[in-house]
Amino acid sequence: MDWSQFQRIDPHLLVGLVNTELRNHAASLDDLCRTHDIDRDALCAHLASADYHYKSEQQQFR
């Protein structure tokens, strides 16, 4: 996946992709953002537009 284009993806689909990446490949949200060179605040804002918010306890967006 081309993570640089994440803002073009519907947030309801993106949340599944992000949570899968967090579960299977990233140590944290910061690690995911660093690895794919994406802006954490922009990712969080895009997902928040569909009422998904990062829960650090579960290490996923809900």
PDB file of N, CA and C in Angstrom:
ATOM      1  N   MET A   1       0.842  -1.183   0.000  1.00  0.00           N
ATOM      2  CA  MET A   1       0.000   0.000   0.000  1.00  0.00           C
ATOM      3  C   MET A   1       0.887   1.246   0.000  1.00  0.00           C
ATOM      4  N   ASP A   2       0.431   2.263  -0.711  1.00  0.00           N
ATOM      5  CA  ASP A   2       1.126   3.551  -0.732  1.00  0.00           C
ATOM      6  C   ASP A   2       0.567   4.415   0.398  1.00  0.00           C
ATOM      7  N   TRP A   3       1.237   4.368   1.533  1.00  0.00           N
ATOM      8  CA  TRP A   3       0.751   5.076   2.714  1.00  0.00           C
ATOM      9  C   TRP A   3       0.756   6.593   2.539  1.00  0.00           C
ATOM     10  N   SER A   4       1.520   7.111   1.586  1.00  0.00           N
ATOM     11  CA  SER A   4       1.556   8.562   1.377  1.00  0.00           C
ATOM     12  C   SER A   4       0.210   9.089   0.877  1.00  0.00           C
ATOM     13  N   GLN A   5      -0.652   8.195   0.408  1.00  0.00           N
ATOM     14  CA  GLN A   5      -1.957   8.585  -0.117  1.00  0.00           C
ATOM     15  C   GLN A   5      -3.104   8.256   0.851  1.00  0.00           C
ATOM     16  N   PHE A   6      -2.787   8.067   2.117  1.00  0.00           N
ATOM     17  CA  PHE A   6      -3.807   7.619   3.067  1.00  0.00           C
ATOM     18  C   PHE A   6      -5.000   8.562   3.159  1.00  0.00           C
ATOM     19  N   GLN A   7      -4.798   9.855   2.908  1.00  0.00           N
ATOM     20  CA  GLN A   7      -5.899  10.813   3.037  1.00  0.00           C
ATOM     21  C   GLN A   7      -6.944  10.653   1.936  1.00  0.00           C
ATOM     22  N   ARG A   8      -6.625   9.922   0.896  1.00  0.00           N
ATOM     23  CA  ARG A   8      -7.581   9.665  -0.182  1.00  0.00           C
ATOM     24  C   ARG A   8      -8.454   8.445   0.098  1.00  0.00           C
ATOM     25  N   ILE A   9      -8.104   7.697   1.123  1.00  0.00           N
ATOM     26  CA  ILE A   9      -8.840   6.475   1.449  1.00  0.00           C
ATOM     27  C   ILE A   9      -9.956   6.806   2.427  1.00  0.00           C
ATOM     28  N   ASP A  10     -11.117   6.247   2.180  1.00  0.00           N
ATOM     29  CA  ASP A  10     -12.256   6.424   3.079  1.00  0.00           C
ATOM     30  C   ASP A  10     -11.822   5.996   4.487  1.00  0.00           C
ATOM     31  N   PRO A  11     -12.062   6.832   5.494  1.00  0.00           N
ATOM     32  CA  PRO A  11     -11.598   6.512   6.850  1.00  0.00           C
ATOM     33  C   PRO A  11     -12.187   5.212   7.399  1.00  0.00           C
ATOM     34  N   HIS A  12     -13.374   4.822   6.924  1.00  0.00           N
ATOM     35  CA  HIS A  12     -13.978   3.572   7.399  1.00  0.00           C
ATOM     36  C   HIS A  12     -13.212   2.355   6.870  1.00  0.00           C
ATOM     37  N   LEU A  13     -12.559   2.496   5.749  1.00  0.00           N
ATOM     38  CA  LEU A  13     -11.694   1.435   5.228  1.00  0.00           C
ATOM     39  C   LEU A  13     -10.290   1.545   5.809  1.00  0.00           C
ATOM     40  N   LEU A  14      -9.821   2.775   5.922  1.00  0.00           N
ATOM     41  CA  LEU A  14      -8.472   3.022   6.415  1.00  0.00           C
ATOM     42  C   LEU A  14      -8.269   2.507   7.829  1.00  0.00           C
ATOM     43  N   VAL A  15      -9.266   2.615   8.665  1.00  0.00           N
ATOM     44  CA  VAL A  15      -9.120   2.180  10.060  1.00  0.00           C
ATOM     45  C   VAL A  15      -8.740   0.707  10.132  1.00  0.00           C
ATOM     46  N   GLY A  16      -9.311  -0.119   9.265  1.00  0.00           N
ATOM     47  CA  GLY A  16      -8.960  -1.533   9.240  1.00  0.00           C
ATOM     48  C   GLY A  16      -7.524  -1.752   8.802  1.00  0.00           C
ATOM     49  N   LEU A  17      -7.091  -1.000   7.789  1.00  0.00           N
ATOM     50  CA  LEU A  17      -5.714  -1.116   7.311  1.00  0.00           C
ATOM     51  C   LEU A  17      -4.717  -0.685   8.380  1.00  0.00           C
ATOM     52  N   VAL A  18      -5.017   0.419   9.033  1.00  0.00           N
ATOM     53  CA  VAL A  18      -4.122   0.934  10.079  1.00  0.00           C
ATOM     54  C   VAL A  18      -4.066  -0.029  11.264  1.00  0.00           C
ATOM     55  N   ASN A  19      -5.224  -0.515  11.702  1.00  0.00           N
ATOM     56  CA  ASN A  19      -5.232  -1.426  12.849  1.00  0.00           C
ATOM     57  C   ASN A  19      -4.515  -2.739  12.530  1.00  0.00           C
ATOM     58  N   THR A  20      -4.649  -3.214  11.306  1.00  0.00           N
ATOM     59  CA  THR A  20      -3.926  -4.419  10.893  1.00  0.00           C
ATOM     60  C   THR A  20      -2.425  -4.170  10.911  1.00  0.00           C
ATOM     61  N   GLU A  21      -2.010  -3.028  10.399  1.00  0.00           N
ATOM     62  CA  GLU A  21      -0.587  -2.672  10.397  1.00  0.00           C
ATOM     63  C   GLU A  21      -0.065  -2.554  11.829  1.00  0.00           C
ATOM     64  N   LEU A  22      -0.847  -1.941  12.708  1.00  0.00           N
ATOM     65  CA  LEU A  22      -0.442  -1.811  14.108  1.00  0.00           C
ATOM     66  C   LEU A  22      -0.318  -3.179  14.772  1.00  0.00           C
ATOM     67  N   ARG A  23      -1.249  -4.058  14.484  1.00  0.00           N
ATOM     68  CA  ARG A  23      -1.250  -5.383  15.104  1.00  0.00           C
ATOM     69  C   ARG A  23      -0.107  -6.259  14.584  1.00  0.00           C
ATOM     70  N   ASN A  24       0.153  -6.196  13.271  1.00  0.00           N
ATOM     71  CA  ASN A  24       1.071  -7.157  12.656  1.00  0.00           C
ATOM     72  C   ASN A  24       2.490  -6.662  12.405  1.00  0.00           C
ATOM     73  N   HIS A  25       2.674  -5.342  12.266  1.00  0.00           N
ATOM     74  CA  HIS A  25       3.982  -4.877  11.811  1.00  0.00           C
ATOM     75  C   HIS A  25       4.588  -3.715  12.591  1.00  0.00           C
ATOM     76  N   ALA A  26       3.810  -2.982  13.334  1.00  0.00           N
ATOM     77  CA  ALA A  26       4.325  -1.776  13.988  1.00  0.00           C
ATOM     78  C   ALA A  26       4.338  -1.957  15.507  1.00  0.00           C
ATOM     79  N   ALA A  27       5.365  -1.439  16.127  1.00  0.00           N
ATOM     80  CA  ALA A  27       5.482  -1.506  17.583  1.00  0.00           C
ATOM     81  C   ALA A  27       4.579  -0.477  18.264  1.00  0.00           C
ATOM     82  N   SER A  28       4.226   0.580  17.527  1.00  0.00           N
ATOM     83  CA  SER A  28       3.397   1.647  18.083  1.00  0.00           C
ATOM     84  C   SER A  28       2.873   2.509  16.931  1.00  0.00           C
ATOM     85  N   LEU A  29       2.003   3.434  17.246  1.00  0.00           N
ATOM     86  CA  LEU A  29       1.517   4.372  16.225  1.00  0.00           C
ATOM     87  C   LEU A  29       2.666   5.224  15.711  1.00  0.00           C
ATOM     88  N   ASP A  30       3.540   5.660  16.602  1.00  0.00           N
ATOM     89  CA  ASP A  30       4.706   6.442  16.172  1.00  0.00           C
ATOM     90  C   ASP A  30       5.597   5.636  15.236  1.00  0.00           C
ATOM     91  N   ASP A  31       5.779   4.367  15.537  1.00  0.00           N
ATOM     92  CA  ASP A  31       6.584   3.495  14.683  1.00  0.00           C
ATOM     93  C   ASP A  31       5.945   3.360  13.294  1.00  0.00           C
ATOM     94  N   LEU A  32       4.644   3.155  13.244  1.00  0.00           N
ATOM     95  CA  LEU A  32       3.941   3.067  11.966  1.00  0.00           C
ATOM     96  C   LEU A  32       4.155   4.333  11.148  1.00  0.00           C
ATOM     97  N   CYS A  33       3.980   5.478  11.776  1.00  0.00           N
ATOM     98  CA  CYS A  33       4.131   6.762  11.079  1.00  0.00           C
ATOM     99  C   CYS A  33       5.566   6.993  10.613  1.00  0.00           C
ATOM    100  N   ARG A  34       6.517   6.655  11.448  1.00  0.00           N
ATOM    101  CA  ARG A  34       7.928   6.791  11.082  1.00  0.00           C
ATOM    102  C   ARG A  34       8.284   5.856   9.923  1.00  0.00           C
ATOM    103  N   THR A  35       7.864   4.621  10.020  1.00  0.00           N
ATOM    104  CA  THR A  35       8.172   3.613   9.005  1.00  0.00           C
ATOM    105  C   THR A  35       7.628   4.004   7.634  1.00  0.00           C
ATOM    106  N   HIS A  36       6.422   4.556   7.614  1.00  0.00           N
ATOM    107  CA  HIS A  36       5.767   4.882   6.344  1.00  0.00           C
ATOM    108  C   HIS A  36       5.849   6.374   6.000  1.00  0.00           C
ATOM    109  N   ASP A  37       6.607   7.116   6.804  1.00  0.00           N
ATOM    110  CA  ASP A  37       6.825   8.544   6.566  1.00  0.00           C
ATOM    111  C   ASP A  37       5.510   9.301   6.385  1.00  0.00           C
ATOM    112  N   ILE A  38       4.626   9.125   7.362  1.00  0.00           N
ATOM    113  CA  ILE A  38       3.354   9.843   7.329  1.00  0.00           C
ATOM    114  C   ILE A  38       3.220  10.677   8.601  1.00  0.00           C
ATOM    115  N   ASP A  39       2.428  11.718   8.508  1.00  0.00           N
ATOM    116  CA  ASP A  39       2.219  12.638   9.615  1.00  0.00           C
ATOM    117  C   ASP A  39       1.176  12.057  10.578  1.00  0.00           C
ATOM    118  N   ARG A  40       1.598  11.833  11.815  1.00  0.00           N
ATOM    119  CA  ARG A  40       0.713  11.234  12.812  1.00  0.00           C
ATOM    120  C   ARG A  40      -0.551  12.087  13.023  1.00  0.00           C
ATOM    121  N   ASP A  41      -0.373  13.397  13.149  1.00  0.00           N
ATOM    122  CA  ASP A  41      -1.524  14.276  13.393  1.00  0.00           C
ATOM    123  C   ASP A  41      -2.507  14.232  12.227  1.00  0.00           C
ATOM    124  N   ALA A  42      -1.993  14.188  11.007  1.00  0.00           N
ATOM    125  CA  ALA A  42      -2.864  14.127   9.827  1.00  0.00           C
ATOM    126  C   ALA A  42      -3.618  12.800   9.782  1.00  0.00           C
ATOM    127  N   LEU A  43      -2.927  11.708  10.110  1.00  0.00           N
ATOM    128  CA  LEU A  43      -3.581  10.397  10.143  1.00  0.00           C
ATOM    129  C   LEU A  43      -4.678  10.372  11.201  1.00  0.00           C
ATOM    130  N   CYS A  44      -4.359  10.843  12.390  1.00  0.00           N
ATOM    131  CA  CYS A  44      -5.339  10.867  13.478  1.00  0.00           C
ATOM    132  C   CYS A  44      -6.529  11.756  13.132  1.00  0.00           C
ATOM    133  N   ALA A  45      -6.278  12.891  12.512  1.00  0.00           N
ATOM    134  CA  ALA A  45      -7.360  13.810  12.135  1.00  0.00           C
ATOM    135  C   ALA A  45      -8.256  13.180  11.076  1.00  0.00           C
ATOM    136  N   HIS A  46      -7.644  12.509  10.105  1.00  0.00           N
ATOM    137  CA  HIS A  46      -8.434  11.872   9.049  1.00  0.00           C
ATOM    138  C   HIS A  46      -9.334  10.787   9.637  1.00  0.00           C
ATOM    139  N   LEU A  47      -8.789   9.976  10.529  1.00  0.00           N
ATOM    140  CA  LEU A  47      -9.606   8.939  11.152  1.00  0.00           C
ATOM    141  C   LEU A  47     -10.624   9.534  12.125  1.00  0.00           C
ATOM    142  N   ALA A  48     -10.272  10.612  12.789  1.00  0.00           N
ATOM    143  CA  ALA A  48     -11.213  11.271  13.704  1.00  0.00           C
ATOM    144  C   ALA A  48     -12.408  11.856  12.959  1.00  0.00           C
ATOM    145  N   SER A  49     -12.226  12.177  11.681  1.00  0.00           N
ATOM    146  CA  SER A  49     -13.346  12.702  10.893  1.00  0.00           C
ATOM    147  C   SER A  49     -14.473  11.676  10.781  1.00  0.00           C
ATOM    148  N   ALA A  50     -14.161  10.406  11.022  1.00  0.00           N
ATOM    149  CA  ALA A  50     -15.171   9.351  11.029  1.00  0.00           C
ATOM    150  C   ALA A  50     -15.365   8.805  12.451  1.00  0.00           C
ATOM    151  N   ASP A  51     -14.918   9.571  13.431  1.00  0.00           N
ATOM    152  CA  ASP A  51     -15.067   9.253  14.846  1.00  0.00           C
ATOM    153  C   ASP A  51     -14.254   8.032  15.296  1.00  0.00           C
ATOM    154  N   TYR A  52     -13.095   7.829  14.674  1.00  0.00           N
ATOM    155  CA  TYR A  52     -12.148   6.809  15.128  1.00  0.00           C
ATOM    156  C   TYR A  52     -11.024   7.525  15.854  1.00  0.00           C
ATOM    157  N   HIS A  53     -10.726   7.070  17.051  1.00  0.00           N
ATOM    158  CA  HIS A  53      -9.700   7.703  17.877  1.00  0.00           C
ATOM    159  C   HIS A  53      -8.743   6.639  18.390  1.00  0.00           C
ATOM    160  N   TYR A  54      -7.482   7.012  18.494  1.00  0.00           N
ATOM    161  CA  TYR A  54      -6.454   6.065  18.904  1.00  0.00           C
ATOM    162  C   TYR A  54      -6.570   5.770  20.387  1.00  0.00           C
ATOM    163  N   LYS A  55      -6.590   4.496  20.709  1.00  0.00           N
ATOM    164  CA  LYS A  55      -6.628   4.027  22.097  1.00  0.00           C
ATOM    165  C   LYS A  55      -5.285   3.361  22.379  1.00  0.00           C
ATOM    166  N   SER A  56      -4.419   4.062  23.095  1.00  0.00           N
ATOM    167  CA  SER A  56      -3.071   3.550  23.322  1.00  0.00           C
ATOM    168  C   SER A  56      -3.092   2.255  24.147  1.00  0.00           C
ATOM    169  N   GLU A  57      -4.074   2.082  25.015  1.00  0.00           N
ATOM    170  CA  GLU A  57      -4.154   0.870  25.823  1.00  0.00           C
ATOM    171  C   GLU A  57      -4.301  -0.371  24.942  1.00  0.00           C
ATOM    172  N   GLN A  58      -5.110  -0.265  23.884  1.00  0.00           N
ATOM    173  CA  GLN A  58      -5.319  -1.373  22.957  1.00  0.00           C
ATOM    174  C   GLN A  58      -4.415  -1.298  21.734  1.00  0.00           C
ATOM    175  N   GLN A  59      -3.733  -0.206  21.577  1.00  0.00           N
ATOM    176  CA  GLN A  59      -2.884   0.087  20.426  1.00  0.00           C
ATOM    177  C   GLN A  59      -3.663  -0.084  19.132  1.00  0.00           C
ATOM    178  N   GLN A  60      -4.828   0.586  19.084  1.00  0.00           N
ATOM    179  CA  GLN A  60      -5.651   0.564  17.886  1.00  0.00           C
ATOM    180  C   GLN A  60      -6.614   1.731  17.885  1.00  0.00           C
ATOM    181  N   PHE A  61      -7.167   1.979  16.708  1.00  0.00           N
ATOM    182  CA  PHE A  61      -8.196   3.007  16.571  1.00  0.00           C
ATOM    183  C   PHE A  61      -9.548   2.349  16.780  1.00  0.00           C
ATOM    184  N   ARG A  62     -10.405   3.044  17.511  1.00  0.00           N
ATOM    185  CA  ARG A  62     -11.782   2.560  17.747  1.00  0.00           C
ATOM    186  C   ARG A  62     -12.726   3.711  17.621  1.00  0.00           C
TER     187      ARG A  62
END
